[in-house]
Amino acid sequence: RGISYVSRKFSNMKIDDILQPLSNMIKYDDKPVVIFSAMWSLLKATKIYDGDLACRNLLDLIYKITDERILLMPTFTRGFVNGICDLDNEPSQTGILTEFFRKQNGVQRTICPFYSFSFRGNNSSKLLNLKNKDAWGNGSLYEWMYKNDVHIVTIGVHPTNCSFTHYAEWLKKDKIFYRHNKTFSGNVIYK
């Protein structure tokens, strides 16, 4: 499945203006939806300068479209700080929408010290059972995304900012030489 890109560049835009394009991209099935985002361009276009209000409005719109489907957003962390990664409290490093989403009732976080995702939706608790050794490899959320043919949507960011491409690099790791494995260890705090 290709990556969808939602971008509108015009003045007097309202957050609701992305409802139809977003709905058109993902409404045809019940596949999980993964959203990569950057709010600054949306805030500028809508002239909403209250980040929480904009996040609430956009999240309400996304919930309306995705309904009870699995919805995921990257909530990457700094990883192990002094040997500990506190996934219960470590804020998302991937923007204000993802952090706002992470804090919502019913939203959980995958157990991955560097590349966690927050998620909600029917049957999403199975994502907690992913116990990957490699961030991108076997048993990872990225492998799960591939096997479940997720819809990947970018809002306010170019599709090249989507980390899913690292899964493809991992699959071809014997053919590429610009990526190198790093090993980290520490304790993860989760619930």
C-alpha atoms as a PDB file:
ATOM      1  CA  ARG A   1       0.000   0.000   0.000  1.00  0.00           C
ATOM      2  CA  GLY A   2       1.275   3.476  -0.774  1.00  0.00           C
ATOM      3  CA  ILE A   3       1.700   6.270   1.674  1.00  0.00           C
ATOM      4  CA  SER A   4      -0.973   8.954   1.619  1.00  0.00           C
ATOM      5  CA  TYR A   5      -0.028  12.587   2.034  1.00  0.00           C
ATOM      6  CA  VAL A   6      -2.466  15.239   3.240  1.00  0.00           C
ATOM      7  CA  SER A   7      -1.293  18.749   2.489  1.00  0.00           C
ATOM      8  CA  ARG A   8      -3.281  21.866   1.852  1.00  0.00           C
ATOM      9  CA  LYS A   9      -1.708  25.259   1.265  1.00  0.00           C
ATOM     10  CA  PHE A  10      -4.299  27.977   1.312  1.00  0.00           C
ATOM     11  CA  SER A  11      -5.416  30.699   3.646  1.00  0.00           C
ATOM     12  CA  ASN A  12      -8.490  30.530   5.856  1.00  0.00           C
ATOM     13  CA  MET A  13      -8.233  26.772   6.112  1.00  0.00           C
ATOM     14  CA  LYS A  14     -10.231  24.996   8.800  1.00  0.00           C
ATOM     15  CA  ILE A  15      -9.213  21.705  10.352  1.00  0.00           C
ATOM     16  CA  ASP A  16     -12.470  20.233   9.022  1.00  0.00           C
ATOM     17  CA  ASP A  17     -11.167  20.895   5.498  1.00  0.00           C
ATOM     18  CA  ILE A  18      -9.013  17.779   5.721  1.00  0.00           C
ATOM     19  CA  LEU A  19     -11.990  15.591   6.689  1.00  0.00           C
ATOM     20  CA  GLN A  20     -12.972  14.688   3.136  1.00  0.00           C
ATOM     21  CA  PRO A  21      -9.465  14.057   1.717  1.00  0.00           C
ATOM     22  CA  LEU A  22      -8.505  12.009   4.768  1.00  0.00           C
ATOM     23  CA  SER A  23     -11.765  10.106   4.706  1.00  0.00           C
ATOM     24  CA  ASN A  24     -11.359   9.367   0.990  1.00  0.00           C
ATOM     25  CA  MET A  25      -7.940   7.863   1.637  1.00  0.00           C
ATOM     26  CA  ILE A  26      -8.839   5.489   4.446  1.00  0.00           C
ATOM     27  CA  LYS A  27     -12.593   4.828   4.506  1.00  0.00           C
ATOM     28  CA  TYR A  28     -12.776   1.809   2.223  1.00  0.00           C
ATOM     29  CA  ASP A  29     -11.724  -0.905   4.635  1.00  0.00           C
ATOM     30  CA  ASP A  30     -11.071  -1.616   8.299  1.00  0.00           C
ATOM     31  CA  LYS A  31      -7.273  -1.667   8.117  1.00  0.00           C
ATOM     32  CA  PRO A  32      -5.294  -0.006  10.929  1.00  0.00           C
ATOM     33  CA  VAL A  33      -4.289   3.627  10.395  1.00  0.00           C
ATOM     34  CA  VAL A  34      -0.870   5.062  11.269  1.00  0.00           C
ATOM     35  CA  ILE A  35      -0.550   8.845  11.328  1.00  0.00           C
ATOM     36  CA  PHE A  36       2.743  10.752  11.117  1.00  0.00           C
ATOM     37  CA  SER A  37       2.246  14.458  11.688  1.00  0.00           C
ATOM     38  CA  ALA A  38       3.625  17.919  12.246  1.00  0.00           C
ATOM     39  CA  MET A  39       1.140  20.465  13.514  1.00  0.00           C
ATOM     40  CA  TRP A  40       3.009  23.703  12.825  1.00  0.00           C
ATOM     41  CA  SER A  41       1.874  24.028   9.193  1.00  0.00           C
ATOM     42  CA  LEU A  42      -1.712  23.160  10.131  1.00  0.00           C
ATOM     43  CA  LEU A  43      -1.665  25.689  12.968  1.00  0.00           C
ATOM     44  CA  LYS A  44      -0.386  28.347  10.595  1.00  0.00           C
ATOM     45  CA  ALA A  45      -2.924  27.522   7.865  1.00  0.00           C
ATOM     46  CA  THR A  46      -5.876  27.472  10.274  1.00  0.00           C
ATOM     47  CA  LYS A  47      -4.648  30.418  12.318  1.00  0.00           C
ATOM     48  CA  ILE A  48      -5.283  28.410  15.465  1.00  0.00           C
ATOM     49  CA  TYR A  49      -2.452  29.220  17.822  1.00  0.00           C
ATOM     50  CA  ASP A  50      -3.691  27.120  20.721  1.00  0.00           C
ATOM     51  CA  GLY A  51      -1.926  23.795  20.178  1.00  0.00           C
ATOM     52  CA  ASP A  52      -4.207  21.836  22.533  1.00  0.00           C
ATOM     53  CA  LEU A  53      -7.327  23.166  20.816  1.00  0.00           C
ATOM     54  CA  ALA A  54      -5.968  22.285  17.377  1.00  0.00           C
ATOM     55  CA  CYS A  55      -4.917  18.822  18.556  1.00  0.00           C
ATOM     56  CA  ARG A  56      -8.345  18.219  20.114  1.00  0.00           C
ATOM     57  CA  ASN A  57     -10.127  19.324  16.930  1.00  0.00           C
ATOM     58  CA  LEU A  58      -7.908  17.220  14.674  1.00  0.00           C
ATOM     59  CA  LEU A  59      -8.064  14.192  16.947  1.00  0.00           C
ATOM     60  CA  ASP A  60     -11.866  14.393  17.097  1.00  0.00           C
ATOM     61  CA  LEU A  61     -11.911  14.452  13.303  1.00  0.00           C
ATOM     62  CA  ILE A  62      -9.512  11.492  13.084  1.00  0.00           C
ATOM     63  CA  TYR A  63     -11.596   9.523  15.597  1.00  0.00           C
ATOM     64  CA  LYS A  64     -14.702  10.212  13.512  1.00  0.00           C
ATOM     65  CA  ILE A  65     -13.033   8.734  10.436  1.00  0.00           C
ATOM     66  CA  THR A  66     -11.213   5.808  12.043  1.00  0.00           C
ATOM     67  CA  ASP A  67     -14.054   4.916  14.429  1.00  0.00           C
ATOM     68  CA  GLU A  68     -12.985   1.766  16.319  1.00  0.00           C
ATOM     69  CA  ARG A  69     -10.188   0.809  13.932  1.00  0.00           C
ATOM     70  CA  ILE A  70      -6.687   0.562  15.324  1.00  0.00           C
ATOM     71  CA  LEU A  71      -5.116   4.023  15.241  1.00  0.00           C
ATOM     72  CA  LEU A  72      -1.395   4.483  15.866  1.00  0.00           C
ATOM     73  CA  MET A  73       0.939   7.459  16.134  1.00  0.00           C
ATOM     74  CA  PRO A  74       4.683   7.426  16.749  1.00  0.00           C
ATOM     75  CA  THR A  75       5.635   8.504  20.267  1.00  0.00           C
ATOM     76  CA  PHE A  76       9.381   8.027  20.056  1.00  0.00           C
ATOM     77  CA  THR A  77      11.452   8.642  23.173  1.00  0.00           C
ATOM     78  CA  ARG A  78      15.019   9.491  24.100  1.00  0.00           C
ATOM     79  CA  GLY A  79      15.516   5.803  24.895  1.00  0.00           C
ATOM     80  CA  PHE A  80      17.502   4.791  27.932  1.00  0.00           C
ATOM     81  CA  VAL A  81      18.412   7.785  30.069  1.00  0.00           C
ATOM     82  CA  ASN A  82      20.787   6.690  32.820  1.00  0.00           C
ATOM     83  CA  GLY A  83      19.839   3.100  31.984  1.00  0.00           C
ATOM     84  CA  ILE A  84      16.074   3.635  32.305  1.00  0.00           C
ATOM     85  CA  CYS A  85      13.277   4.252  29.807  1.00  0.00           C
ATOM     86  CA  ASP A  86      10.070   5.256  31.588  1.00  0.00           C
ATOM     87  CA  LEU A  87       7.394   4.677  28.954  1.00  0.00           C
ATOM     88  CA  ASP A  88       4.681   5.689  31.427  1.00  0.00           C
ATOM     89  CA  ASN A  89       5.993   9.241  31.702  1.00  0.00           C
ATOM     90  CA  GLU A  90       8.468   9.869  28.877  1.00  0.00           C
ATOM     91  CA  PRO A  91       6.869  12.399  26.514  1.00  0.00           C
ATOM     92  CA  SER A  92       6.676  11.827  22.806  1.00  0.00           C
ATOM     93  CA  GLN A  93       9.538  13.339  20.841  1.00  0.00           C
ATOM     94  CA  THR A  94       7.516  13.345  17.611  1.00  0.00           C
ATOM     95  CA  GLY A  95       5.308  16.402  18.015  1.00  0.00           C
ATOM     96  CA  ILE A  96       2.414  17.904  19.904  1.00  0.00           C
ATOM     97  CA  LEU A  97      -0.331  15.822  18.278  1.00  0.00           C
ATOM     98  CA  THR A  98       1.362  12.542  19.168  1.00  0.00           C
ATOM     99  CA  GLU A  99       1.916  13.678  22.763  1.00  0.00           C
ATOM    100  CA  PHE A 100      -1.690  14.866  23.001  1.00  0.00           C
ATOM    101  CA  PHE A 101      -2.859  11.498  21.645  1.00  0.00           C
ATOM    102  CA  ARG A 102      -0.589   9.571  24.052  1.00  0.00           C
ATOM    103  CA  LYS A 103      -2.285  11.232  27.030  1.00  0.00           C
ATOM    104  CA  GLN A 104      -5.868  10.400  25.994  1.00  0.00           C
ATOM    105  CA  ASN A 105      -8.018   7.893  27.885  1.00  0.00           C
ATOM    106  CA  GLY A 106      -7.903   4.440  26.370  1.00  0.00           C
ATOM    107  CA  VAL A 107      -4.614   5.059  24.562  1.00  0.00           C
ATOM    108  CA  GLN A 108      -1.746   2.662  25.255  1.00  0.00           C
ATOM    109  CA  ARG A 109       1.889   2.642  24.214  1.00  0.00           C
ATOM    110  CA  THR A 110       3.923  -0.134  22.622  1.00  0.00           C
ATOM    111  CA  ILE A 111       6.828  -1.465  24.634  1.00  0.00           C
ATOM    112  CA  CYS A 112       9.843  -0.225  22.699  1.00  0.00           C
ATOM    113  CA  PRO A 113      12.381   2.052  24.402  1.00  0.00           C
ATOM    114  CA  PHE A 114      13.240   4.195  21.387  1.00  0.00           C
ATOM    115  CA  TYR A 115      10.520   3.765  18.771  1.00  0.00           C
ATOM    116  CA  SER A 116       7.278   3.369  20.697  1.00  0.00           C
ATOM    117  CA  PHE A 117       3.883   4.100  19.192  1.00  0.00           C
ATOM    118  CA  SER A 118       0.723   5.059  21.030  1.00  0.00           C
ATOM    119  CA  PHE A 119      -2.438   3.301  19.901  1.00  0.00           C
ATOM    120  CA  ARG A 120      -6.130   2.709  20.493  1.00  0.00           C
ATOM    121  CA  GLY A 121      -8.984   0.806  18.884  1.00  0.00           C
ATOM    122  CA  ASN A 122     -10.606  -2.601  18.791  1.00  0.00           C
ATOM    123  CA  ASN A 123      -8.233  -5.560  19.143  1.00  0.00           C
ATOM    124  CA  SER A 124      -5.292  -3.202  19.636  1.00  0.00           C
ATOM    125  CA  SER A 125      -4.155  -4.835  22.894  1.00  0.00           C
ATOM    126  CA  LYS A 126      -2.351  -7.467  20.800  1.00  0.00           C
ATOM    127  CA  LEU A 127       0.218  -4.758  20.063  1.00  0.00           C
ATOM    128  CA  LEU A 128       1.398  -5.060  23.670  1.00  0.00           C
ATOM    129  CA  ASN A 129       2.461  -8.636  22.954  1.00  0.00           C
ATOM    130  CA  LEU A 130       5.067  -7.577  20.405  1.00  0.00           C
ATOM    131  CA  LYS A 131       8.414  -8.408  21.967  1.00  0.00           C
ATOM    132  CA  ASN A 132      10.971  -7.428  19.389  1.00  0.00           C
ATOM    133  CA  LYS A 133      14.695  -7.542  19.865  1.00  0.00           C
ATOM    134  CA  ASP A 134      15.367  -5.272  16.883  1.00  0.00           C
ATOM    135  CA  ALA A 135      13.511  -1.963  16.542  1.00  0.00           C
ATOM    136  CA  TRP A 136      12.757  -2.575  12.864  1.00  0.00           C
ATOM    137  CA  GLY A 137      12.988  -6.332  12.493  1.00  0.00           C
ATOM    138  CA  ASN A 138      11.306  -9.602  13.325  1.00  0.00           C
ATOM    139  CA  GLY A 139       8.476  -9.236  15.807  1.00  0.00           C
ATOM    140  CA  SER A 140       8.606  -5.441  15.614  1.00  0.00           C
ATOM    141  CA  LEU A 141       5.656  -3.119  15.228  1.00  0.00           C
ATOM    142  CA  TYR A 142       6.969  -2.299  11.759  1.00  0.00           C
ATOM    143  CA  GLU A 143       6.726  -5.963  10.750  1.00  0.00           C
ATOM    144  CA  TRP A 144       3.195  -6.002  12.216  1.00  0.00           C
ATOM    145  CA  MET A 145       2.332  -2.902  10.145  1.00  0.00           C
ATOM    146  CA  TYR A 146       3.548  -4.622   7.001  1.00  0.00           C
ATOM    147  CA  LYS A 147       1.679  -7.850   7.692  1.00  0.00           C
ATOM    148  CA  ASN A 148      -1.530  -5.949   8.518  1.00  0.00           C
ATOM    149  CA  ASP A 149      -1.342  -3.740   5.426  1.00  0.00           C
ATOM    150  CA  VAL A 150      -1.870  -0.539   7.426  1.00  0.00           C
ATOM    151  CA  HIS A 151      -2.824   2.812   5.964  1.00  0.00           C
ATOM    152  CA  ILE A 152       0.042   5.243   6.527  1.00  0.00           C
ATOM    153  CA  VAL A 153      -1.036   8.881   6.453  1.00  0.00           C
ATOM    154  CA  THR A 154       1.155  11.935   6.843  1.00  0.00           C
ATOM    155  CA  ILE A 155      -0.370  15.227   7.919  1.00  0.00           C
ATOM    156  CA  GLY A 156       1.823  18.303   7.640  1.00  0.00           C
ATOM    157  CA  VAL A 157       4.971  16.307   6.899  1.00  0.00           C
ATOM    158  CA  HIS A 158       6.398  14.881   3.714  1.00  0.00           C
ATOM    159  CA  PRO A 159       6.106  11.087   3.328  1.00  0.00           C
ATOM    160  CA  THR A 160       9.898  10.798   3.498  1.00  0.00           C
ATOM    161  CA  ASN A 161       9.568  11.648   7.216  1.00  0.00           C
ATOM    162  CA  CYS A 162       7.736   8.382   7.798  1.00  0.00           C
ATOM    163  CA  SER A 163       9.889   5.907   9.734  1.00  0.00           C
ATOM    164  CA  PHE A 164       8.284   2.877   8.066  1.00  0.00           C
ATOM    165  CA  THR A 165      10.969   3.062   5.377  1.00  0.00           C
ATOM    166  CA  HIS A 166      13.467   1.805   7.972  1.00  0.00           C
ATOM    167  CA  TYR A 167      11.682  -1.543   7.944  1.00  0.00           C
ATOM    168  CA  ALA A 168      12.467  -1.879   4.226  1.00  0.00           C
ATOM    169  CA  GLU A 169      16.088  -0.955   4.965  1.00  0.00           C
ATOM    170  CA  TRP A 170      16.218  -3.597   7.690  1.00  0.00           C
ATOM    171  CA  LEU A 171      14.878  -6.234   5.275  1.00  0.00           C
ATOM    172  CA  LYS A 172      17.725  -5.384   2.883  1.00  0.00           C
ATOM    173  CA  LYS A 173      20.367  -4.825   5.566  1.00  0.00           C
ATOM    174  CA  ASP A 174      22.790  -7.170   3.810  1.00  0.00           C
ATOM    175  CA  LYS A 175      22.671  -4.937   0.707  1.00  0.00           C
ATOM    176  CA  ILE A 176      22.918  -1.458   2.246  1.00  0.00           C
ATOM    177  CA  PHE A 177      25.902  -0.019   4.037  1.00  0.00           C
ATOM    178  CA  TYR A 178      24.723   3.329   5.381  1.00  0.00           C
ATOM    179  CA  ARG A 179      22.874   1.773   8.374  1.00  0.00           C
ATOM    180  CA  HIS A 180      24.592   0.088  11.298  1.00  0.00           C
ATOM    181  CA  ASN A 181      23.132  -1.803  14.226  1.00  0.00           C
ATOM    182  CA  LYS A 182      23.592  -0.370  17.699  1.00  0.00           C
ATOM    183  CA  THR A 183      22.926  -2.342  20.851  1.00  0.00           C
ATOM    184  CA  PHE A 184      21.410  -0.747  23.935  1.00  0.00           C
ATOM    185  CA  SER A 185      20.451  -2.199  27.266  1.00  0.00           C
ATOM    186  CA  GLY A 186      18.600  -0.902  30.270  1.00  0.00           C
ATOM    187  CA  ASN A 187      15.363  -1.168  32.192  1.00  0.00           C
ATOM    188  CA  VAL A 188      11.966  -0.258  30.776  1.00  0.00           C
ATOM    189  CA  ILE A 189       9.279   1.050  33.102  1.00  0.00           C
ATOM    190  CA  TYR A 190       5.831   0.214  31.781  1.00  0.00           C
ATOM    191  CA  LYS A 191       2.659   0.201  33.915  1.00  0.00           C
END
